[in-house]
PDB file of N, CA and C in Angstrom:
ATOM      1  N   UNK A   1     123.599  64.650 121.742  1.00  0.00           N
ATOM      2  CA  UNK A   1     124.874  64.815 120.891  1.00  0.00           C
ATOM      3  C   UNK A   1     124.563  65.749 119.678  1.00  0.00           C
ATOM      4  N   UNK A   2     125.654  66.404 119.395  1.00  0.00           N
ATOM      5  CA  UNK A   2     125.599  67.344 118.364  1.00  0.00           C
ATOM      6  C   UNK A   2     125.515  66.836 117.015  1.00  0.00           C
ATOM      7  N   UNK A   3     124.978  67.658 115.917  1.00  0.00           N
ATOM      8  CA  UNK A   3     124.972  67.139 114.674  1.00  0.00           C
ATOM      9  C   UNK A   3     126.152  67.820 113.861  1.00  0.00           C
ATOM     10  N   UNK A   4     127.142  68.323 114.534  1.00  0.00           N
ATOM     11  CA  UNK A   4     128.296  69.278 114.054  1.00  0.00           C
ATOM     12  C   UNK A   4     129.130  68.176 113.068  1.00  0.00           C
ATOM     13  N   UNK A   5     130.006  68.809 112.311  1.00  0.00           N
ATOM     14  CA  UNK A   5     130.853  68.087 111.481  1.00  0.00           C
ATOM     15  C   UNK A   5     132.270  68.632 111.818  1.00  0.00           C
ATOM     16  N   UNK A   6     133.346  67.716 111.402  1.00  0.00           N
ATOM     17  CA  UNK A   6     134.649  68.187 111.597  1.00  0.00           C
ATOM     18  C   UNK A   6     135.353  67.829 110.325  1.00  0.00           C
ATOM     19  N   UNK A   7     136.645  68.094 110.016  1.00  0.00           N
ATOM     20  CA  UNK A   7     137.362  67.883 108.934  1.00  0.00           C
ATOM     21  C   UNK A   7     137.223  66.314 108.458  1.00  0.00           C
ATOM     22  N   UNK A   8     136.894  65.364 109.530  1.00  0.00           N
ATOM     23  CA  UNK A   8     136.727  64.063 109.155  1.00  0.00           C
ATOM     24  C   UNK A   8     135.345  63.630 108.789  1.00  0.00           C
ATOM     25  N   UNK A   9     134.468  64.680 108.713  1.00  0.00           N
ATOM     26  CA  UNK A   9     133.133  64.488 108.383  1.00  0.00           C
ATOM     27  C   UNK A   9     132.085  64.578 109.469  1.00  0.00           C
ATOM     28  N   UNK A  10     131.007  64.050 109.571  1.00  0.00           N
ATOM     29  CA  UNK A  10     130.027  64.139 110.623  1.00  0.00           C
ATOM     30  C   UNK A  10     130.577  63.685 111.979  1.00  0.00           C
ATOM     31  N   UNK A  11     130.224  64.393 113.059  1.00  0.00           N
ATOM     32  CA  UNK A  11     130.531  63.894 114.384  1.00  0.00           C
ATOM     33  C   UNK A  11     129.637  62.821 114.828  1.00  0.00           C
ATOM     34  N   UNK A  12     128.252  63.038 114.512  1.00  0.00           N
ATOM     35  CA  UNK A  12     127.299  61.925 114.750  1.00  0.00           C
ATOM     36  C   UNK A  12     127.273  60.961 113.627  1.00  0.00           C
ATOM     37  N   UNK A  13     126.910  59.678 114.011  1.00  0.00           N
ATOM     38  CA  UNK A  13     126.931  58.602 113.043  1.00  0.00           C
ATOM     39  C   UNK A  13     125.766  58.942 112.069  1.00  0.00           C
ATOM     40  N   UNK A  14     126.156  59.038 110.772  1.00  0.00           N
ATOM     41  CA  UNK A  14     125.226  59.436 109.817  1.00  0.00           C
ATOM     42  C   UNK A  14     124.158  58.237 109.426  1.00  0.00           C
ATOM     43  N   UNK A  15     122.941  58.574 109.966  1.00  0.00           N
ATOM     44  CA  UNK A  15     121.971  57.446 109.813  1.00  0.00           C
ATOM     45  C   UNK A  15     121.538  57.109 108.289  1.00  0.00           C
ATOM     46  N   UNK A  16     121.432  58.133 107.406  1.00  0.00           N
ATOM     47  CA  UNK A  16     121.091  57.817 106.003  1.00  0.00           C
ATOM     48  C   UNK A  16     122.178  56.807 105.493  1.00  0.00           C
ATOM     49  N   UNK A  17     123.442  57.152 105.617  1.00  0.00           N
ATOM     50  CA  UNK A  17     124.512  56.356 105.139  1.00  0.00           C
ATOM     51  C   UNK A  17     124.497  55.013 105.881  1.00  0.00           C
ATOM     52  N   UNK A  18     124.096  54.945 106.878  1.00  0.00           N
ATOM     53  CA  UNK A  18     124.143  53.640 107.722  1.00  0.00           C
ATOM     54  C   UNK A  18     122.983  52.712 107.050  1.00  0.00           C
ATOM     55  N   UNK A  19     121.789  53.378 106.783  1.00  0.00           N
ATOM     56  CA  UNK A  19     120.808  52.599 106.267  1.00  0.00           C
ATOM     57  C   UNK A  19     121.218  51.977 104.973  1.00  0.00           C
ATOM     58  N   UNK A  20     121.724  52.836 104.016  1.00  0.00           N
ATOM     59  CA  UNK A  20     122.236  52.442 102.603  1.00  0.00           C
ATOM     60  C   UNK A  20     123.279  51.266 102.784  1.00  0.00           C
ATOM     61  N   UNK A  21     124.445  51.498 103.889  1.00  0.00           N
ATOM     62  CA  UNK A  21     125.507  50.566 103.951  1.00  0.00           C
ATOM     63  C   UNK A  21     124.812  49.313 104.419  1.00  0.00           C
ATOM     64  N   UNK A  22     123.958  49.240 105.439  1.00  0.00           N
ATOM     65  CA  UNK A  22     123.337  48.057 105.970  1.00  0.00           C
ATOM     66  C   UNK A  22     122.681  47.190 104.937  1.00  0.00           C
ATOM     67  N   UNK A  23     121.939  47.915 104.029  1.00  0.00           N
ATOM     68  CA  UNK A  23     121.253  47.399 102.941  1.00  0.00           C
ATOM     69  C   UNK A  23     122.197  46.623 102.053  1.00  0.00           C
ATOM     70  N   UNK A  24     123.237  47.442 101.524  1.00  0.00           N
ATOM     71  CA  UNK A  24     124.237  46.841 100.779  1.00  0.00           C
ATOM     72  C   UNK A  24     125.004  45.593 101.289  1.00  0.00           C
ATOM     73  N   UNK A  25     125.013  45.438 102.636  1.00  0.00           N
ATOM     74  CA  UNK A  25     125.612  44.343 103.285  1.00  0.00           C
ATOM     75  C   UNK A  25     124.685  43.254 103.782  1.00  0.00           C
ATOM     76  N   UNK A  26     123.618  43.177 103.075  1.00  0.00           N
ATOM     77  CA  UNK A  26     122.684  42.125 103.458  1.00  0.00           C
ATOM     78  C   UNK A  26     121.653  42.323 104.744  1.00  0.00           C
ATOM     79  N   UNK A  27     121.630  43.406 105.129  1.00  0.00           N
ATOM     80  CA  UNK A  27     120.794  43.853 106.342  1.00  0.00           C
ATOM     81  C   UNK A  27     119.703  44.754 106.046  1.00  0.00           C
ATOM     82  N   UNK A  28     119.115  44.542 104.935  1.00  0.00           N
ATOM     83  CA  UNK A  28     118.061  45.421 104.489  1.00  0.00           C
ATOM     84  C   UNK A  28     116.820  45.384 105.410  1.00  0.00           C
ATOM     85  N   UNK A  29     116.544  44.218 105.793  1.00  0.00           N
ATOM     86  CA  UNK A  29     115.362  44.074 106.874  1.00  0.00           C
ATOM     87  C   UNK A  29     115.560  44.579 108.130  1.00  0.00           C
ATOM     88  N   UNK A  30     116.697  44.372 108.638  1.00  0.00           N
ATOM     89  CA  UNK A  30     117.018  45.056 109.860  1.00  0.00           C
ATOM     90  C   UNK A  30     117.135  46.615 109.865  1.00  0.00           C
ATOM     91  N   UNK A  31     117.766  47.216 108.840  1.00  0.00           N
ATOM     92  CA  UNK A  31     117.747  48.607 108.813  1.00  0.00           C
ATOM     93  C   UNK A  31     116.507  49.107 108.478  1.00  0.00           C
ATOM     94  N   UNK A  32     115.698  48.434 107.761  1.00  0.00           N
ATOM     95  CA  UNK A  32     114.357  49.000 107.531  1.00  0.00           C
ATOM     96  C   UNK A  32     113.488  48.963 108.781  1.00  0.00           C
ATOM     97  N   UNK A  33     113.683  48.024 109.654  1.00  0.00           N
ATOM     98  CA  UNK A  33     112.934  47.767 110.990  1.00  0.00           C
ATOM     99  C   UNK A  33     113.391  49.044 111.791  1.00  0.00           C
ATOM    100  N   UNK A  34     114.780  49.312 111.935  1.00  0.00           N
ATOM    101  CA  UNK A  34     115.267  50.433 112.754  1.00  0.00           C
ATOM    102  C   UNK A  34     114.794  51.675 112.253  1.00  0.00           C
ATOM    103  N   UNK A  35     114.898  51.852 110.814  1.00  0.00           N
ATOM    104  CA  UNK A  35     114.430  53.155 110.275  1.00  0.00           C
ATOM    105  C   UNK A  35     113.001  53.430 110.519  1.00  0.00           C
ATOM    106  N   UNK A  36     112.129  52.501 110.451  1.00  0.00           N
ATOM    107  CA  UNK A  36     110.644  52.755 110.579  1.00  0.00           C
ATOM    108  C   UNK A  36     110.094  52.602 112.120  1.00  0.00           C
ATOM    109  N   UNK A  37     110.989  52.192 113.028  1.00  0.00           N
ATOM    110  CA  UNK A  37     110.610  51.976 114.296  1.00  0.00           C
ATOM    111  C   UNK A  37     109.824  53.254 114.962  1.00  0.00           C
ATOM    112  N   UNK A  38     108.714  52.974 115.575  1.00  0.00           N
ATOM    113  CA  UNK A  38     108.093  54.206 116.320  1.00  0.00           C
ATOM    114  C   UNK A  38     108.586  54.148 117.712  1.00  0.00           C
ATOM    115  N   UNK A  39     109.387  55.301 118.030  1.00  0.00           N
ATOM    116  CA  UNK A  39     109.902  55.434 119.421  1.00  0.00           C
ATOM    117  C   UNK A  39     109.041  56.399 120.112  1.00  0.00           C
ATOM    118  N   UNK A  40     108.454  55.795 121.142  1.00  0.00           N
ATOM    119  CA  UNK A  40     107.467  56.392 122.008  1.00  0.00           C
ATOM    120  C   UNK A  40     107.985  56.646 123.446  1.00  0.00           C
ATOM    121  N   UNK A  41     108.647  57.670 123.643  1.00  0.00           N
ATOM    122  CA  UNK A  41     109.031  57.941 125.221  1.00  0.00           C
ATOM    123  C   UNK A  41     109.083  59.414 125.157  1.00  0.00           C
ATOM    124  N   UNK A  42     109.282  60.087 126.459  1.00  0.00           N
ATOM    125  CA  UNK A  42     109.295  61.386 126.656  1.00  0.00           C
ATOM    126  C   UNK A  42     110.726  62.088 126.408  1.00  0.00           C
ATOM    127  N   UNK A  43     111.704  61.300 126.142  1.00  0.00           N
ATOM    128  CA  UNK A  43     113.067  62.000 125.845  1.00  0.00           C
ATOM    129  C   UNK A  43     113.175  62.165 124.337  1.00  0.00           C
ATOM    130  N   UNK A  44     114.059  63.051 124.061  1.00  0.00           N
ATOM    131  CA  UNK A  44     114.177  63.492 122.634  1.00  0.00           C
ATOM    132  C   UNK A  44     115.240  62.889 121.879  1.00  0.00           C
ATOM    133  N   UNK A  45     115.545  61.598 122.443  1.00  0.00           N
ATOM    134  CA  UNK A  45     116.740  60.950 121.691  1.00  0.00           C
ATOM    135  C   UNK A  45     116.407  60.014 120.736  1.00  0.00           C
ATOM    136  N   UNK A  46     115.270  60.339 119.829  1.00  0.00           N
ATOM    137  CA  UNK A  46     114.882  59.307 118.951  1.00  0.00           C
ATOM    138  C   UNK A  46     116.023  58.850 117.882  1.00  0.00           C
ATOM    139  N   UNK A  47     116.563  59.991 117.203  1.00  0.00           N
ATOM    140  CA  UNK A  47     117.727  59.521 116.370  1.00  0.00           C
ATOM    141  C   UNK A  47     118.826  58.862 116.909  1.00  0.00           C
ATOM    142  N   UNK A  48     119.138  59.045 118.284  1.00  0.00           N
ATOM    143  CA  UNK A  48     120.165  58.417 118.907  1.00  0.00           C
ATOM    144  C   UNK A  48     119.776  57.041 119.255  1.00  0.00           C
ATOM    145  N   UNK A  49     118.583  56.769 119.510  1.00  0.00           N
ATOM    146  CA  UNK A  49     118.019  55.457 119.901  1.00  0.00           C
ATOM    147  C   UNK A  49     118.441  54.585 118.389  1.00  0.00           C
ATOM    148  N   UNK A  50     118.053  55.133 117.378  1.00  0.00           N
ATOM    149  CA  UNK A  50     118.285  54.440 116.192  1.00  0.00           C
ATOM    150  C   UNK A  50     119.757  54.254 116.017  1.00  0.00           C
ATOM    151  N   UNK A  51     120.446  55.220 116.246  1.00  0.00           N
ATOM    152  CA  UNK A  51     122.037  55.030 116.097  1.00  0.00           C
ATOM    153  C   UNK A  51     122.552  53.966 117.066  1.00  0.00           C
ATOM    154  N   UNK A  52     121.923  54.026 118.253  1.00  0.00           N
ATOM    155  CA  UNK A  52     122.238  52.737 119.083  1.00  0.00           C
ATOM    156  C   UNK A  52     122.074  51.369 118.462  1.00  0.00           C
ATOM    157  N   UNK A  53     120.847  51.322 117.924  1.00  0.00           N
ATOM    158  CA  UNK A  53     120.466  49.965 117.255  1.00  0.00           C
ATOM    159  C   UNK A  53     121.466  49.797 115.894  1.00  0.00           C
ATOM    160  N   UNK A  54     121.738  50.816 115.228  1.00  0.00           N
ATOM    161  CA  UNK A  54     122.615  50.600 114.143  1.00  0.00           C
ATOM    162  C   UNK A  54     124.132  50.095 114.548  1.00  0.00           C
ATOM    163  N   UNK A  55     124.604  50.747 115.557  1.00  0.00           N
ATOM    164  CA  UNK A  55     125.936  50.461 116.046  1.00  0.00           C
ATOM    165  C   UNK A  55     125.773  49.012 116.799  1.00  0.00           C
ATOM    166  N   UNK A  56     124.706  48.638 117.439  1.00  0.00           N
ATOM    167  CA  UNK A  56     124.577  47.258 117.894  1.00  0.00           C
ATOM    168  C   UNK A  56     124.484  46.303 116.658  1.00  0.00           C
ATOM    169  N   UNK A  57     123.729  46.605 115.632  1.00  0.00           N
ATOM    170  CA  UNK A  57     123.581  45.677 114.452  1.00  0.00           C
ATOM    171  C   UNK A  57     124.853  45.547 113.814  1.00  0.00           C
ATOM    172  N   UNK A  58     125.706  46.662 113.578  1.00  0.00           N
ATOM    173  CA  UNK A  58     126.717  46.519 112.756  1.00  0.00           C
ATOM    174  C   UNK A  58     127.914  45.871 113.656  1.00  0.00           C
ATOM    175  N   UNK A  59     127.850  46.041 114.938  1.00  0.00           N
ATOM    176  CA  UNK A  59     128.859  45.181 115.776  1.00  0.00           C
ATOM    177  C   UNK A  59     128.691  43.848 115.683  1.00  0.00           C
ATOM    178  N   UNK A  60     127.439  43.384 115.780  1.00  0.00           N
ATOM    179  CA  UNK A  60     127.089  42.003 115.745  1.00  0.00           C
ATOM    180  C   UNK A  60     127.468  41.181 114.448  1.00  0.00           C
ATOM    181  N   UNK A  61     127.331  42.085 113.469  1.00  0.00           N
ATOM    182  CA  UNK A  61     127.676  41.370 112.097  1.00  0.00           C
ATOM    183  C   UNK A  61     129.177  41.753 111.712  1.00  0.00           C
ATOM    184  N   UNK A  62     129.838  42.356 112.450  1.00  0.00           N
ATOM    185  CA  UNK A  62     131.261  42.646 112.185  1.00  0.00           C
ATOM    186  C   UNK A  62     131.464  43.527 111.149  1.00  0.00           C
ATOM    187  N   UNK A  63     130.590  44.589 110.865  1.00  0.00           N
ATOM    188  CA  UNK A  63     130.594  45.581 109.783  1.00  0.00           C
ATOM    189  C   UNK A  63     130.959  47.080 110.374  1.00  0.00           C
ATOM    190  N   UNK A  64     130.926  47.223 111.705  1.00  0.00           N
ATOM    191  CA  UNK A  64     131.144  48.696 112.236  1.00  0.00           C
ATOM    192  C   UNK A  64     132.481  49.218 111.762  1.00  0.00           C
ATOM    193  N   UNK A  65     133.492  48.564 111.786  1.00  0.00           N
ATOM    194  CA  UNK A  65     134.858  49.139 111.466  1.00  0.00           C
ATOM    195  C   UNK A  65     134.829  49.467 110.026  1.00  0.00           C
ATOM    196  N   UNK A  66     134.372  48.589 109.193  1.00  0.00           N
ATOM    197  CA  UNK A  66     134.151  48.984 107.749  1.00  0.00           C
ATOM    198  C   UNK A  66     133.270  50.124 107.360  1.00  0.00           C
ATOM    199  N   UNK A  67     132.244  50.225 108.263  1.00  0.00           N
ATOM    200  CA  UNK A  67     131.177  51.420 108.172  1.00  0.00           C
ATOM    201  C   UNK A  67     132.064  52.717 108.493  1.00  0.00           C
ATOM    202  N   UNK A  68     132.769  52.628 109.620  1.00  0.00           N
ATOM    203  CA  UNK A  68     133.569  53.830 109.892  1.00  0.00           C
ATOM    204  C   UNK A  68     134.475  54.156 109.057  1.00  0.00           C
ATOM    205  N   UNK A  69     135.197  53.228 108.605  1.00  0.00           N
ATOM    206  CA  UNK A  69     136.199  53.467 107.565  1.00  0.00           C
ATOM    207  C   UNK A  69     135.837  54.107 106.374  1.00  0.00           C
ATOM    208  N   UNK A  70     134.512  53.811 105.885  1.00  0.00           N
ATOM    209  CA  UNK A  70     134.052  54.346 104.577  1.00  0.00           C
ATOM    210  C   UNK A  70     133.081  55.363 104.706  1.00  0.00           C
ATOM    211  N   UNK A  71     132.380  55.510 105.956  1.00  0.00           N
ATOM    212  CA  UNK A  71     131.363  56.468 105.973  1.00  0.00           C
ATOM    213  C   UNK A  71     131.400  57.437 107.373  1.00  0.00           C
ATOM    214  N   UNK A  72     132.094  56.990 108.212  1.00  0.00           N
ATOM    215  CA  UNK A  72     132.165  57.824 109.567  1.00  0.00           C
ATOM    216  C   UNK A  72     133.463  57.753 110.252  1.00  0.00           C
ATOM    217  N   UNK A  73     134.465  58.344 109.598  1.00  0.00           N
ATOM    218  CA  UNK A  73     135.817  58.657 109.987  1.00  0.00           C
ATOM    219  C   UNK A  73     135.910  59.048 111.466  1.00  0.00           C
ATOM    220  N   UNK A  74     134.886  60.000 111.970  1.00  0.00           N
ATOM    221  CA  UNK A  74     134.921  60.512 113.341  1.00  0.00           C
ATOM    222  C   UNK A  74     134.566  59.168 114.233  1.00  0.00           C
ATOM    223  N   UNK A  75     134.056  58.098 113.716  1.00  0.00           N
ATOM    224  CA  UNK A  75     133.848  57.138 114.613  1.00  0.00           C
ATOM    225  C   UNK A  75     134.994  56.386 115.306  1.00  0.00           C
ATOM    226  N   UNK A  76     136.151  56.698 114.758  1.00  0.00           N
ATOM    227  CA  UNK A  76     137.428  56.150 115.258  1.00  0.00           C
ATOM    228  C   UNK A  76     138.194  57.150 116.226  1.00  0.00           C
ATOM    229  N   UNK A  77     137.672  58.189 116.390  1.00  0.00           N
ATOM    230  CA  UNK A  77     138.431  59.257 117.167  1.00  0.00           C
ATOM    231  C   UNK A  77     138.005  58.850 118.726  1.00  0.00           C
ATOM    232  N   UNK A  78     138.652  59.392 119.578  1.00  0.00           N
ATOM    233  CA  UNK A  78     138.229  59.357 121.045  1.00  0.00           C
ATOM    234  C   UNK A  78     136.735  59.765 121.129  1.00  0.00           C
ATOM    235  N   UNK A  79     136.403  60.923 120.560  1.00  0.00           N
ATOM    236  CA  UNK A  79     135.083  61.299 120.864  1.00  0.00           C
ATOM    237  C   UNK A  79     134.091  60.468 119.938  1.00  0.00           C
ATOM    238  N   UNK A  80     134.399  59.942 118.830  1.00  0.00           N
ATOM    239  CA  UNK A  80     133.632  58.928 118.112  1.00  0.00           C
ATOM    240  C   UNK A  80     133.269  57.794 119.006  1.00  0.00           C
ATOM    241  N   UNK A  81     134.406  57.345 119.621  1.00  0.00           N
ATOM    242  CA  UNK A  81     134.301  56.075 120.466  1.00  0.00           C
ATOM    243  C   UNK A  81     133.377  56.321 121.676  1.00  0.00           C
ATOM    244  N   UNK A  82     133.602  57.411 122.196  1.00  0.00           N
ATOM    245  CA  UNK A  82     132.593  57.917 123.289  1.00  0.00           C
ATOM    246  C   UNK A  82     131.076  58.230 122.922  1.00  0.00           C
ATOM    247  N   UNK A  83     130.835  58.778 121.759  1.00  0.00           N
ATOM    248  CA  UNK A  83     129.567  58.810 121.134  1.00  0.00           C
ATOM    249  C   UNK A  83     128.918  57.445 121.023  1.00  0.00           C
ATOM    250  N   UNK A  84     129.680  56.626 120.431  1.00  0.00           N
ATOM    251  CA  UNK A  84     129.185  55.077 120.222  1.00  0.00           C
ATOM    252  C   UNK A  84     128.674  54.586 121.588  1.00  0.00           C
ATOM    253  N   UNK A  85     129.484  54.671 122.586  1.00  0.00           N
ATOM    254  CA  UNK A  85     129.031  54.184 124.025  1.00  0.00           C
ATOM    255  C   UNK A  85     127.790  54.897 124.280  1.00  0.00           C
ATOM    256  N   UNK A  86     127.660  56.210 124.092  1.00  0.00           N
ATOM    257  CA  UNK A  86     126.357  56.968 124.341  1.00  0.00           C
ATOM    258  C   UNK A  86     125.274  56.398 123.556  1.00  0.00           C
ATOM    259  N   UNK A  87     125.321  56.070 122.295  1.00  0.00           N
ATOM    260  CA  UNK A  87     124.351  55.527 121.492  1.00  0.00           C
ATOM    261  C   UNK A  87     123.803  54.361 122.140  1.00  0.00           C
ATOM    262  N   UNK A  88     124.798  53.432 122.569  1.00  0.00           N
ATOM    263  CA  UNK A  88     124.479  52.257 123.072  1.00  0.00           C
ATOM    264  C   UNK A  88     123.771  52.390 124.419  1.00  0.00           C
ATOM    265  N   UNK A  89     124.061  53.341 125.155  1.00  0.00           N
ATOM    266  CA  UNK A  89     123.631  53.644 126.518  1.00  0.00           C
ATOM    267  C   UNK A  89     122.109  54.060 126.353  1.00  0.00           C
ATOM    268  N   UNK A  90     121.878  54.877 125.305  1.00  0.00           N
ATOM    269  CA  UNK A  90     120.610  55.366 125.121  1.00  0.00           C
ATOM    270  C   UNK A  90     119.603  54.355 124.538  1.00  0.00           C
ATOM    271  N   UNK A  91     120.138  53.542 123.775  1.00  0.00           N
ATOM    272  CA  UNK A  91     119.403  52.304 123.338  1.00  0.00           C
ATOM    273  C   UNK A  91     119.031  51.381 124.500  1.00  0.00           C
ATOM    274  N   UNK A  92     119.823  51.105 125.326  1.00  0.00           N
ATOM    275  CA  UNK A  92     119.546  50.437 126.573  1.00  0.00           C
ATOM    276  C   UNK A  92     118.469  51.169 127.509  1.00  0.00           C
ATOM    277  N   UNK A  93     118.624  52.401 127.540  1.00  0.00           N
ATOM    278  CA  UNK A  93     117.593  53.108 128.367  1.00  0.00           C
ATOM    279  C   UNK A  93     116.213  53.018 127.884  1.00  0.00           C
ATOM    280  N   UNK A  94     116.216  53.073 126.455  1.00  0.00           N
ATOM    281  CA  UNK A  94     114.914  52.976 125.600  1.00  0.00           C
ATOM    282  C   UNK A  94     114.430  51.476 125.920  1.00  0.00           C
ATOM    283  N   UNK A  95     115.306  50.518 125.904  1.00  0.00           N
ATOM    284  CA  UNK A  95     114.749  49.113 125.953  1.00  0.00           C
ATOM    285  C   UNK A  95     114.342  48.991 127.530  1.00  0.00           C
ATOM    286  N   UNK A  96     114.927  49.494 128.404  1.00  0.00           N
ATOM    287  CA  UNK A  96     114.478  49.510 129.749  1.00  0.00           C
ATOM    288  C   UNK A  96     113.080  50.155 129.933  1.00  0.00           C
ATOM    289  N   UNK A  97     112.930  51.243 129.354  1.00  0.00           N
ATOM    290  CA  UNK A  97     111.797  52.103 129.366  1.00  0.00           C
ATOM    291  C   UNK A  97     110.476  51.240 128.851  1.00  0.00           C
ATOM    292  N   UNK A  98     110.889  50.389 127.683  1.00  0.00           N
ATOM    293  CA  UNK A  98     109.934  49.644 127.114  1.00  0.00           C
ATOM    294  C   UNK A  98     109.468  48.547 127.964  1.00  0.00           C
ATOM    295  N   UNK A  99     110.385  47.921 128.916  1.00  0.00           N
ATOM    296  CA  UNK A  99     110.083  46.872 129.757  1.00  0.00           C
ATOM    297  C   UNK A  99     109.634  47.557 131.060  1.00  0.00           C
ATOM    298  N   UNK A 100     109.366  48.827 131.118  1.00  0.00           N
ATOM    299  CA  UNK A 100     108.836  49.267 132.464  1.00  0.00           C
ATOM    300  C   UNK A 100     109.787  49.510 133.539  1.00  0.00           C
ATOM    301  N   UNK A 101     111.062  49.397 133.217  1.00  0.00           N
ATOM    302  CA  UNK A 101     112.200  49.468 134.259  1.00  0.00           C
ATOM    303  C   UNK A 101     112.952  50.765 134.333  1.00  0.00           C
ATOM    304  N   UNK A 102     112.675  51.627 133.444  1.00  0.00           N
ATOM    305  CA  UNK A 102     113.425  52.927 133.251  1.00  0.00           C
ATOM    306  C   UNK A 102     112.826  53.851 134.242  1.00  0.00           C
ATOM    307  N   UNK A 103     113.620  54.603 135.022  1.00  0.00           N
ATOM    308  CA  UNK A 103     113.123  55.555 135.822  1.00  0.00           C
ATOM    309  C   UNK A 103     113.977  56.892 135.668  1.00  0.00           C
ATOM    310  N   UNK A 104     113.316  57.960 135.528  1.00  0.00           N
ATOM    311  CA  UNK A 104     114.006  59.329 135.566  1.00  0.00           C
ATOM    312  C   UNK A 104     114.779  59.379 136.822  1.00  0.00           C
ATOM    313  N   UNK A 105     115.971  59.913 136.833  1.00  0.00           N
ATOM    314  CA  UNK A 105     116.623  60.043 138.019  1.00  0.00           C
ATOM    315  C   UNK A 105     116.053  60.649 139.256  1.00  0.00           C
ATOM    316  N   UNK A 106     115.281  61.720 138.791  1.00  0.00           N
ATOM    317  CA  UNK A 106     114.497  62.440 139.828  1.00  0.00           C
ATOM    318  C   UNK A 106     113.383  61.592 140.567  1.00  0.00           C
ATOM    319  N   UNK A 107     112.853  60.416 139.704  1.00  0.00           N
ATOM    320  CA  UNK A 107     111.931  59.670 140.269  1.00  0.00           C
ATOM    321  C   UNK A 107     112.455  58.503 141.181  1.00  0.00           C
ATOM    322  N   UNK A 108     113.735  58.191 141.078  1.00  0.00           N
ATOM    323  CA  UNK A 108     114.294  57.122 141.778  1.00  0.00           C
ATOM    324  C   UNK A 108     114.568  57.597 143.289  1.00  0.00           C
ATOM    325  N   UNK A 109     114.196  56.771 144.223  1.00  0.00           N
ATOM    326  CA  UNK A 109     114.234  57.078 145.645  1.00  0.00           C
ATOM    327  C   UNK A 109     115.892  57.467 146.073  1.00  0.00           C
ATOM    328  N   UNK A 110     116.799  56.796 145.365  1.00  0.00           N
ATOM    329  CA  UNK A 110     118.131  57.184 145.578  1.00  0.00           C
ATOM    330  C   UNK A 110     118.542  58.628 145.399  1.00  0.00           C
ATOM    331  N   UNK A 111     117.932  59.143 144.395  1.00  0.00           N
ATOM    332  CA  UNK A 111     118.245  60.424 143.915  1.00  0.00           C
ATOM    333  C   UNK A 111     117.403  61.535 144.375  1.00  0.00           C
ATOM    334  N   UNK A 112     116.358  61.216 145.149  1.00  0.00           N
ATOM    335  CA  UNK A 112     115.223  62.281 145.594  1.00  0.00           C
ATOM    336  C   UNK A 112     116.084  63.360 146.412  1.00  0.00           C
ATOM    337  N   UNK A 113     115.713  64.454 145.917  1.00  0.00           N
ATOM    338  CA  UNK A 113     116.182  65.702 146.701  1.00  0.00           C
ATOM    339  C   UNK A 113     117.605  66.053 146.286  1.00  0.00           C
ATOM    340  N   UNK A 114     118.328  65.390 145.503  1.00  0.00           N
ATOM    341  CA  UNK A 114     119.659  65.566 145.107  1.00  0.00           C
ATOM    342  C   UNK A 114     119.715  66.351 143.785  1.00  0.00           C
ATOM    343  N   UNK A 115     120.939  67.043 143.462  1.00  0.00           N
ATOM    344  CA  UNK A 115     120.958  67.684 142.295  1.00  0.00           C
ATOM    345  C   UNK A 115     121.231  66.706 141.121  1.00  0.00           C
ATOM    346  N   UNK A 116     120.909  66.952 139.875  1.00  0.00           N
ATOM    347  CA  UNK A 116     121.221  66.073 138.787  1.00  0.00           C
ATOM    348  C   UNK A 116     121.731  66.861 137.687  1.00  0.00           C
ATOM    349  N   UNK A 117     122.546  66.232 136.774  1.00  0.00           N
ATOM    350  CA  UNK A 117     123.018  66.939 135.523  1.00  0.00           C
ATOM    351  C   UNK A 117     121.982  66.891 134.532  1.00  0.00           C
ATOM    352  N   UNK A 118     121.706  68.084 133.812  1.00  0.00           N
ATOM    353  CA  UNK A 118     120.788  68.152 132.702  1.00  0.00           C
ATOM    354  C   UNK A 118     121.520  68.876 131.654  1.00  0.00           C
ATOM    355  N   UNK A 119     121.796  68.087 130.545  1.00  0.00           N
ATOM    356  CA  UNK A 119     122.720  68.929 129.595  1.00  0.00           C
ATOM    357  C   UNK A 119     124.076  69.213 130.219  1.00  0.00           C
ATOM    358  N   UNK A 120     124.509  70.251 130.120  1.00  0.00           N
ATOM    359  CA  UNK A 120     125.798  70.510 130.773  1.00  0.00           C
ATOM    360  C   UNK A 120     125.528  71.476 131.963  1.00  0.00           C
ATOM    361  N   UNK A 121     124.337  71.587 132.369  1.00  0.00           N
ATOM    362  CA  UNK A 121     124.092  72.322 133.611  1.00  0.00           C
ATOM    363  C   UNK A 121     123.726  71.388 134.734  1.00  0.00           C
ATOM    364  N   UNK A 122     123.846  71.827 135.931  1.00  0.00           N
ATOM    365  CA  UNK A 122     123.317  71.209 137.092  1.00  0.00           C
ATOM    366  C   UNK A 122     122.204  72.028 137.600  1.00  0.00           C
ATOM    367  N   UNK A 123     121.067  71.354 137.949  1.00  0.00           N
ATOM    368  CA  UNK A 123     119.885  71.813 138.524  1.00  0.00           C
ATOM    369  C   UNK A 123     119.236  71.145 139.602  1.00  0.00           C
ATOM    370  N   UNK A 124     118.565  71.584 140.373  1.00  0.00           N
ATOM    371  CA  UNK A 124     117.925  70.888 141.456  1.00  0.00           C
ATOM    372  C   UNK A 124     117.014  69.852 140.996  1.00  0.00           C
ATOM    373  N   UNK A 125     117.109  68.607 141.764  1.00  0.00           N
ATOM    374  CA  UNK A 125     116.225  67.425 141.254  1.00  0.00           C
ATOM    375  C   UNK A 125     114.730  67.748 141.524  1.00  0.00           C
ATOM    376  N   UNK A 126     114.354  68.647 142.465  1.00  0.00           N
ATOM    377  CA  UNK A 126     113.016  68.981 142.783  1.00  0.00           C
ATOM    378  C   UNK A 126     112.170  69.829 142.046  1.00  0.00           C
TER     379      UNK A 126
END
C-alpha cells in the first residue's frame, strides 16, 4: 500500500499517531509490543503487519472510529475501508506464516503452473 496523502491526510494508517493514541487510551503495553515486534518473513509488509495489529487492537477496544476521526480521516473513505481489510489480511498471513501454515501461491499445488498477480502486473507462476 502506498504512503501517499490526500486532502484528508495520509492514505496509510499513520503508525506514529496510532502509537501515541493507543498510549493515551490505556494501551501503552500493547502498542509498545506492536511497535517493537520483530517481524521475520520474506515479504516486505512489516509496517502493514503492524498496521493490522493496530486496527485489530483498536477494533477490540472500540477505539478505531475515534482514531479515524482524530488522526486518520482517510480511514473512513471507501479506499480507507479497503486498506483496513488489507492490513487485517496481511496480519492474518503473518500469523499463518508463524504457525507454519502460510504458503506462497506459487508453492501451493492448486496454483502450480498458473499465472499469479504480483503487484499490479500478472506474471507466470513458474
